[in-house]
Amino acid sequence: MEATIQEMTGMLAKEREVEVGDEVMHWATGRLRWGEVTKVTKRHIWIEYTSPSTGQVHNTQRHRDIALMYSKFC
């Protein structure tokens, strides 16, 4: 039986537009990571995340049509 991302993370997916400041799960360096949305345009979103192994802060760009992510909204 396959587990869904919602089951693995304990989060529920909510449909709405991603906004600056949202925490999102995205695929980075071969694994799923949490990051914060820092910029949103019509086509792309930019996510800032910290590497757990090095502590370095990274920025990554994702195409909005592909970057369907699970967000945690408090």
PDB file of N, CA and C in Angstrom:
ATOM      1  N   MET A   1       0.841  -1.181   0.000  1.00  0.00           N
ATOM      2  CA  MET A   1       0.000   0.000   0.000  1.00  0.00           C
ATOM      3  C   MET A   1       0.889   1.247   0.000  1.00  0.00           C
ATOM      4  N   GLU A   2       0.662   2.135  -0.944  1.00  0.00           N
ATOM      5  CA  GLU A   2       1.468   3.346  -1.052  1.00  0.00           C
ATOM      6  C   GLU A   2       0.936   4.445  -0.149  1.00  0.00           C
ATOM      7  N   ALA A   3       1.845   5.149   0.510  1.00  0.00           N
ATOM      8  CA  ALA A   3       1.459   6.289   1.349  1.00  0.00           C
ATOM      9  C   ALA A   3       1.470   7.550   0.494  1.00  0.00           C
ATOM     10  N   THR A   4       0.501   8.408   0.722  1.00  0.00           N
ATOM     11  CA  THR A   4       0.479   9.679   0.008  1.00  0.00           C
ATOM     12  C   THR A   4       1.381  10.671   0.732  1.00  0.00           C
ATOM     13  N   ILE A   5       1.718  11.757   0.062  1.00  0.00           N
ATOM     14  CA  ILE A   5       2.543  12.785   0.703  1.00  0.00           C
ATOM     15  C   ILE A   5       1.821  13.332   1.920  1.00  0.00           C
ATOM     16  N   GLN A   6       0.490  13.490   1.835  1.00  0.00           N
ATOM     17  CA  GLN A   6      -0.260  13.986   2.991  1.00  0.00           C
ATOM     18  C   GLN A   6      -0.090  13.062   4.190  1.00  0.00           C
ATOM     19  N   GLU A   7      -0.143  11.760   3.961  1.00  0.00           N
ATOM     20  CA  GLU A   7       0.009  10.809   5.057  1.00  0.00           C
ATOM     21  C   GLU A   7       1.425  10.834   5.617  1.00  0.00           C
ATOM     22  N   MET A   8       2.412  10.954   4.740  1.00  0.00           N
ATOM     23  CA  MET A   8       3.807  10.951   5.189  1.00  0.00           C
ATOM     24  C   MET A   8       4.138  12.193   6.004  1.00  0.00           C
ATOM     25  N   THR A   9       3.578  13.323   5.641  1.00  0.00           N
ATOM     26  CA  THR A   9       3.917  14.568   6.328  1.00  0.00           C
ATOM     27  C   THR A   9       2.918  14.931   7.408  1.00  0.00           C
ATOM     28  N   GLY A  10       1.773  14.262   7.409  1.00  0.00           N
ATOM     29  CA  GLY A  10       0.738  14.605   8.381  1.00  0.00           C
ATOM     30  C   GLY A  10       0.051  15.919   8.053  1.00  0.00           C
ATOM     31  N   MET A  11       0.225  16.413   6.838  1.00  0.00           N
ATOM     32  CA  MET A  11      -0.371  17.685   6.438  1.00  0.00           C
ATOM     33  C   MET A  11      -1.565  17.420   5.529  1.00  0.00           C
ATOM     34  N   LEU A  12      -2.475  18.333   5.512  1.00  0.00           N
ATOM     35  CA  LEU A  12      -3.594  18.280   4.582  1.00  0.00           C
ATOM     36  C   LEU A  12      -3.343  19.301   3.481  1.00  0.00           C
ATOM     37  N   ALA A  13      -3.583  18.898   2.255  1.00  0.00           N
ATOM     38  CA  ALA A  13      -3.405  19.838   1.143  1.00  0.00           C
ATOM     39  C   ALA A  13      -4.597  20.780   1.098  1.00  0.00           C
ATOM     40  N   LYS A  14      -4.319  22.036   0.876  1.00  0.00           N
ATOM     41  CA  LYS A  14      -5.374  23.030   0.727  1.00  0.00           C
ATOM     42  C   LYS A  14      -5.155  23.719  -0.604  1.00  0.00           C
ATOM     43  N   GLU A  15      -6.228  23.864  -1.367  1.00  0.00           N
ATOM     44  CA  GLU A  15      -6.092  24.520  -2.658  1.00  0.00           C
ATOM     45  C   GLU A  15      -6.268  26.013  -2.504  1.00  0.00           C
ATOM     46  N   ARG A  16      -5.237  26.749  -2.830  1.00  0.00           N
ATOM     47  CA  ARG A  16      -5.276  28.206  -2.920  1.00  0.00           C
ATOM     48  C   ARG A  16      -3.973  28.656  -3.537  1.00  0.00           C
ATOM     49  N   GLU A  17      -3.903  29.898  -3.940  1.00  0.00           N
ATOM     50  CA  GLU A  17      -2.682  30.423  -4.532  1.00  0.00           C
ATOM     51  C   GLU A  17      -1.572  30.483  -3.483  1.00  0.00           C
ATOM     52  N   VAL A  18      -0.376  30.142  -3.889  1.00  0.00           N
ATOM     53  CA  VAL A  18       0.786  30.245  -3.009  1.00  0.00           C
ATOM     54  C   VAL A  18       1.132  31.717  -2.854  1.00  0.00           C
ATOM     55  N   GLU A  19       1.454  32.129  -1.641  1.00  0.00           N
ATOM     56  CA  GLU A  19       1.773  33.523  -1.362  1.00  0.00           C
ATOM     57  C   GLU A  19       3.148  33.626  -0.708  1.00  0.00           C
ATOM     58  N   VAL A  20       3.756  34.814  -0.817  1.00  0.00           N
ATOM     59  CA  VAL A  20       5.033  35.075  -0.152  1.00  0.00           C
ATOM     60  C   VAL A  20       4.854  34.841   1.345  1.00  0.00           C
ATOM     61  N   GLY A  21       5.801  34.135   1.941  1.00  0.00           N
ATOM     62  CA  GLY A  21       5.741  33.831   3.364  1.00  0.00           C
ATOM     63  C   GLY A  21       5.196  32.449   3.672  1.00  0.00           C
ATOM     64  N   ASP A  22       4.550  31.798   2.694  1.00  0.00           N
ATOM     65  CA  ASP A  22       4.045  30.439   2.913  1.00  0.00           C
ATOM     66  C   ASP A  22       5.208  29.469   3.073  1.00  0.00           C
ATOM     67  N   GLU A  23       5.042  28.485   3.944  1.00  0.00           N
ATOM     68  CA  GLU A  23       5.998  27.387   4.038  1.00  0.00           C
ATOM     69  C   GLU A  23       5.489  26.288   3.130  1.00  0.00           C
ATOM     70  N   VAL A  24       6.352  25.806   2.241  1.00  0.00           N
ATOM     71  CA  VAL A  24       5.950  24.804   1.267  1.00  0.00           C
ATOM     72  C   VAL A  24       6.954  23.660   1.249  1.00  0.00           C
ATOM     73  N   MET A  25       6.460  22.493   0.849  1.00  0.00           N
ATOM     74  CA  MET A  25       7.328  21.342   0.672  1.00  0.00           C
ATOM     75  C   MET A  25       7.667  21.270  -0.810  1.00  0.00           C
ATOM     76  N   HIS A  26       8.937  21.099  -1.135  1.00  0.00           N
ATOM     77  CA  HIS A  26       9.363  21.024  -2.524  1.00  0.00           C
ATOM     78  C   HIS A  26      10.506  20.020  -2.646  1.00  0.00           C
ATOM     79  N   TRP A  27      10.760  19.606  -3.874  1.00  0.00           N
ATOM     80  CA  TRP A  27      11.814  18.641  -4.145  1.00  0.00           C
ATOM     81  C   TRP A  27      13.113  19.397  -4.356  1.00  0.00           C
ATOM     82  N   ALA A  28      14.135  19.121  -3.546  1.00  0.00           N
ATOM     83  CA  ALA A  28      15.431  19.795  -3.680  1.00  0.00           C
ATOM     84  C   ALA A  28      16.550  18.838  -3.310  1.00  0.00           C
ATOM     85  N   THR A  29      17.567  18.815  -4.113  1.00  0.00           N
ATOM     86  CA  THR A  29      18.755  17.974  -3.918  1.00  0.00           C
ATOM     87  C   THR A  29      18.401  16.534  -3.537  1.00  0.00           C
ATOM     88  N   GLY A  30      17.478  15.964  -4.290  1.00  0.00           N
ATOM     89  CA  GLY A  30      17.165  14.556  -4.123  1.00  0.00           C
ATOM     90  C   GLY A  30      16.240  14.190  -2.983  1.00  0.00           C
ATOM     91  N   ARG A  31      15.651  15.178  -2.308  1.00  0.00           N
ATOM     92  CA  ARG A  31      14.698  14.855  -1.232  1.00  0.00           C
ATOM     93  C   ARG A  31      13.697  15.988  -1.057  1.00  0.00           C
ATOM     94  N   LEU A  32      12.641  15.674  -0.342  1.00  0.00           N
ATOM     95  CA  LEU A  32      11.634  16.698  -0.045  1.00  0.00           C
ATOM     96  C   LEU A  32      12.131  17.585   1.081  1.00  0.00           C
ATOM     97  N   ARG A  33      11.967  18.883   0.909  1.00  0.00           N
ATOM     98  CA  ARG A  33      12.414  19.841   1.927  1.00  0.00           C
ATOM     99  C   ARG A  33      11.346  20.911   2.116  1.00  0.00           C
ATOM    100  N   TRP A  34      11.296  21.441   3.347  1.00  0.00           N
ATOM    101  CA  TRP A  34      10.445  22.594   3.630  1.00  0.00           C
ATOM    102  C   TRP A  34      11.215  23.855   3.298  1.00  0.00           C
ATOM    103  N   GLY A  35      10.529  24.844   2.755  1.00  0.00           N
ATOM    104  CA  GLY A  35      11.146  26.127   2.459  1.00  0.00           C
ATOM    105  C   GLY A  35      10.098  27.222   2.522  1.00  0.00           C
ATOM    106  N   GLU A  36      10.549  28.461   2.454  1.00  0.00           N
ATOM    107  CA  GLU A  36       9.641  29.606   2.518  1.00  0.00           C
ATOM    108  C   GLU A  36       9.590  30.292   1.160  1.00  0.00           C
ATOM    109  N   VAL A  37       8.378  30.588   0.705  1.00  0.00           N
ATOM    110  CA  VAL A  37       8.193  31.293  -0.561  1.00  0.00           C
ATOM    111  C   VAL A  37       8.642  32.740  -0.373  1.00  0.00           C
ATOM    112  N   THR A  38       9.568  33.192  -1.241  1.00  0.00           N
ATOM    113  CA  THR A  38      10.092  34.553  -1.123  1.00  0.00           C
ATOM    114  C   THR A  38       9.639  35.460  -2.256  1.00  0.00           C
ATOM    115  N   LYS A  39       9.169  34.880  -3.365  1.00  0.00           N
ATOM    116  CA  LYS A  39       8.726  35.689  -4.498  1.00  0.00           C
ATOM    117  C   LYS A  39       7.746  34.872  -5.323  1.00  0.00           C
ATOM    118  N   VAL A  40       6.707  35.524  -5.854  1.00  0.00           N
ATOM    119  CA  VAL A  40       5.716  34.860  -6.685  1.00  0.00           C
ATOM    120  C   VAL A  40       5.481  35.714  -7.926  1.00  0.00           C
ATOM    121  N   THR A  41       5.576  35.096  -9.110  1.00  0.00           N
ATOM    122  CA  THR A  41       5.228  35.779 -10.353  1.00  0.00           C
ATOM    123  C   THR A  41       4.151  34.954 -11.049  1.00  0.00           C
ATOM    124  N   LYS A  42       3.749  35.389 -12.241  1.00  0.00           N
ATOM    125  CA  LYS A  42       2.714  34.663 -12.976  1.00  0.00           C
ATOM    126  C   LYS A  42       3.123  33.227 -13.288  1.00  0.00           C
ATOM    127  N   ARG A  43       4.406  33.031 -13.583  1.00  0.00           N
ATOM    128  CA  ARG A  43       4.870  31.713 -14.006  1.00  0.00           C
ATOM    129  C   ARG A  43       5.706  30.958 -12.985  1.00  0.00           C
ATOM    130  N   HIS A  44       6.352  31.654 -12.067  1.00  0.00           N
ATOM    131  CA  HIS A  44       7.313  30.996 -11.179  1.00  0.00           C
ATOM    132  C   HIS A  44       7.119  31.386  -9.721  1.00  0.00           C
ATOM    133  N   ILE A  45       7.662  30.533  -8.862  1.00  0.00           N
ATOM    134  CA  ILE A  45       7.775  30.877  -7.443  1.00  0.00           C
ATOM    135  C   ILE A  45       9.230  30.663  -7.040  1.00  0.00           C
ATOM    136  N   TRP A  46       9.698  31.440  -6.094  1.00  0.00           N
ATOM    137  CA  TRP A  46      11.049  31.299  -5.558  1.00  0.00           C
ATOM    138  C   TRP A  46      10.931  30.824  -4.117  1.00  0.00           C
ATOM    139  N   ILE A  47      11.743  29.836  -3.761  1.00  0.00           N
ATOM    140  CA  ILE A  47      11.688  29.237  -2.430  1.00  0.00           C
ATOM    141  C   ILE A  47      13.076  29.321  -1.801  1.00  0.00           C
ATOM    142  N   GLU A  48      13.129  29.737  -0.538  1.00  0.00           N
ATOM    143  CA  GLU A  48      14.384  29.773   0.214  1.00  0.00           C
ATOM    144  C   GLU A  48      14.333  28.652   1.245  1.00  0.00           C
ATOM    145  N   TYR A  49      15.401  27.861   1.306  1.00  0.00           N
ATOM    146  CA  TYR A  49      15.457  26.770   2.282  1.00  0.00           C
ATOM    147  C   TYR A  49      16.878  26.618   2.802  1.00  0.00           C
ATOM    148  N   THR A  50      17.010  26.015   3.962  1.00  0.00           N
ATOM    149  CA  THR A  50      18.313  25.799   4.581  1.00  0.00           C
ATOM    150  C   THR A  50      18.686  24.327   4.480  1.00  0.00           C
ATOM    151  N   SER A  51      19.890  24.060   4.022  1.00  0.00           N
ATOM    152  CA  SER A  51      20.381  22.689   3.934  1.00  0.00           C
ATOM    153  C   SER A  51      20.666  22.174   5.340  1.00  0.00           C
ATOM    154  N   PRO A  52      20.058  21.048   5.739  1.00  0.00           N
ATOM    155  CA  PRO A  52      20.293  20.533   7.084  1.00  0.00           C
ATOM    156  C   PRO A  52      21.734  20.062   7.302  1.00  0.00           C
ATOM    157  N   SER A  53      22.401  19.620   6.246  1.00  0.00           N
ATOM    158  CA  SER A  53      23.762  19.101   6.414  1.00  0.00           C
ATOM    159  C   SER A  53      24.809  20.206   6.502  1.00  0.00           C
ATOM    160  N   THR A  54      24.634  21.290   5.732  1.00  0.00           N
ATOM    161  CA  THR A  54      25.653  22.347   5.715  1.00  0.00           C
ATOM    162  C   THR A  54      25.213  23.616   6.430  1.00  0.00           C
ATOM    163  N   GLY A  55      23.909  23.778   6.619  1.00  0.00           N
ATOM    164  CA  GLY A  55      23.392  24.997   7.232  1.00  0.00           C
ATOM    165  C   GLY A  55      23.326  26.173   6.271  1.00  0.00           C
ATOM    166  N   GLN A  56      23.697  25.945   5.006  1.00  0.00           N
ATOM    167  CA  GLN A  56      23.668  27.011   4.012  1.00  0.00           C
ATOM    168  C   GLN A  56      22.241  27.293   3.564  1.00  0.00           C
ATOM    169  N   VAL A  57      21.964  28.566   3.300  1.00  0.00           N
ATOM    170  CA  VAL A  57      20.655  28.974   2.794  1.00  0.00           C
ATOM    171  C   VAL A  57      20.715  28.951   1.271  1.00  0.00           C
ATOM    172  N   HIS A  58      19.723  28.321   0.662  1.00  0.00           N
ATOM    173  CA  HIS A  58      19.651  28.214  -0.794  1.00  0.00           C
ATOM    174  C   HIS A  58      18.355  28.842  -1.287  1.00  0.00           C
ATOM    175  N   ASN A  59      18.385  29.336  -2.515  1.00  0.00           N
ATOM    176  CA  ASN A  59      17.187  29.823  -3.191  1.00  0.00           C
ATOM    177  C   ASN A  59      16.979  28.972  -4.425  1.00  0.00           C
ATOM    178  N   THR A  60      15.740  28.619  -4.695  1.00  0.00           N
ATOM    179  CA  THR A  60      15.434  27.822  -5.867  1.00  0.00           C
ATOM    180  C   THR A  60      14.192  28.389  -6.530  1.00  0.00           C
ATOM    181  N   GLN A  61      14.107  28.217  -7.830  1.00  0.00           N
ATOM    182  CA  GLN A  61      12.968  28.710  -8.600  1.00  0.00           C
ATOM    183  C   GLN A  61      12.195  27.510  -9.125  1.00  0.00           C
ATOM    184  N   ARG A  62      10.884  27.564  -9.053  1.00  0.00           N
ATOM    185  CA  ARG A  62      10.043  26.486  -9.565  1.00  0.00           C
ATOM    186  C   ARG A  62       8.952  27.071 -10.450  1.00  0.00           C
ATOM    187  N   HIS A  63       8.614  26.340 -11.508  1.00  0.00           N
ATOM    188  CA  HIS A  63       7.515  26.750 -12.372  1.00  0.00           C
ATOM    189  C   HIS A  63       6.209  26.475 -11.647  1.00  0.00           C
ATOM    190  N   ARG A  64       5.320  27.442 -11.618  1.00  0.00           N
ATOM    191  CA  ARG A  64       4.086  27.309 -10.833  1.00  0.00           C
ATOM    192  C   ARG A  64       3.208  26.161 -11.297  1.00  0.00           C
ATOM    193  N   ASP A  65       3.174  25.875 -12.606  1.00  0.00           N
ATOM    194  CA  ASP A  65       2.326  24.796 -13.105  1.00  0.00           C
ATOM    195  C   ASP A  65       2.818  23.428 -12.642  1.00  0.00           C
ATOM    196  N   ILE A  66       4.114  23.307 -12.388  1.00  0.00           N
ATOM    197  CA  ILE A  66       4.699  22.030 -11.977  1.00  0.00           C
ATOM    198  C   ILE A  66       4.801  21.942 -10.459  1.00  0.00           C
ATOM    199  N   ALA A  67       4.984  23.068  -9.820  1.00  0.00           N
ATOM    200  CA  ALA A  67       5.283  23.098  -8.387  1.00  0.00           C
ATOM    201  C   ALA A  67       4.018  23.021  -7.547  1.00  0.00           C
ATOM    202  N   LEU A  68       3.264  21.967  -7.697  1.00  0.00           N
ATOM    203  CA  LEU A  68       2.106  21.755  -6.837  1.00  0.00           C
ATOM    204  C   LEU A  68       2.636  21.197  -5.532  1.00  0.00           C
ATOM    205  N   MET A  69       2.516  21.968  -4.487  1.00  0.00           N
ATOM    206  CA  MET A  69       3.143  21.594  -3.230  1.00  0.00           C
ATOM    207  C   MET A  69       2.124  21.591  -2.106  1.00  0.00           C
ATOM    208  N   TYR A  70       2.472  20.921  -1.077  1.00  0.00           N
ATOM    209  CA  TYR A  70       1.650  20.900   0.107  1.00  0.00           C
ATOM    210  C   TYR A  70       2.143  21.980   1.043  1.00  0.00           C
ATOM    211  N   SER A  71       1.259  22.859   1.416  1.00  0.00           N
ATOM    212  CA  SER A  71       1.628  23.985   2.266  1.00  0.00           C
ATOM    213  C   SER A  71       1.065  23.776   3.657  1.00  0.00           C
ATOM    214  N   LYS A  72       1.784  24.266   4.643  1.00  0.00           N
ATOM    215  CA  LYS A  72       1.208  24.208   5.978  1.00  0.00           C
ATOM    216  C   LYS A  72       0.766  25.616   6.343  1.00  0.00           C
ATOM    217  N   PHE A  73      -0.513  25.755   6.555  1.00  0.00           N
ATOM    218  CA  PHE A  73      -1.097  27.042   6.902  1.00  0.00           C
ATOM    219  C   PHE A  73      -1.544  26.967   8.345  1.00  0.00           C
ATOM    220  N   CYS A  74      -1.025  27.840   9.151  1.00  0.00           N
ATOM    221  CA  CYS A  74      -1.371  27.837  10.574  1.00  0.00           C
ATOM    222  C   CYS A  74      -2.509  28.801  10.836  1.00  0.00           C
TER     223      CYS A  74
END
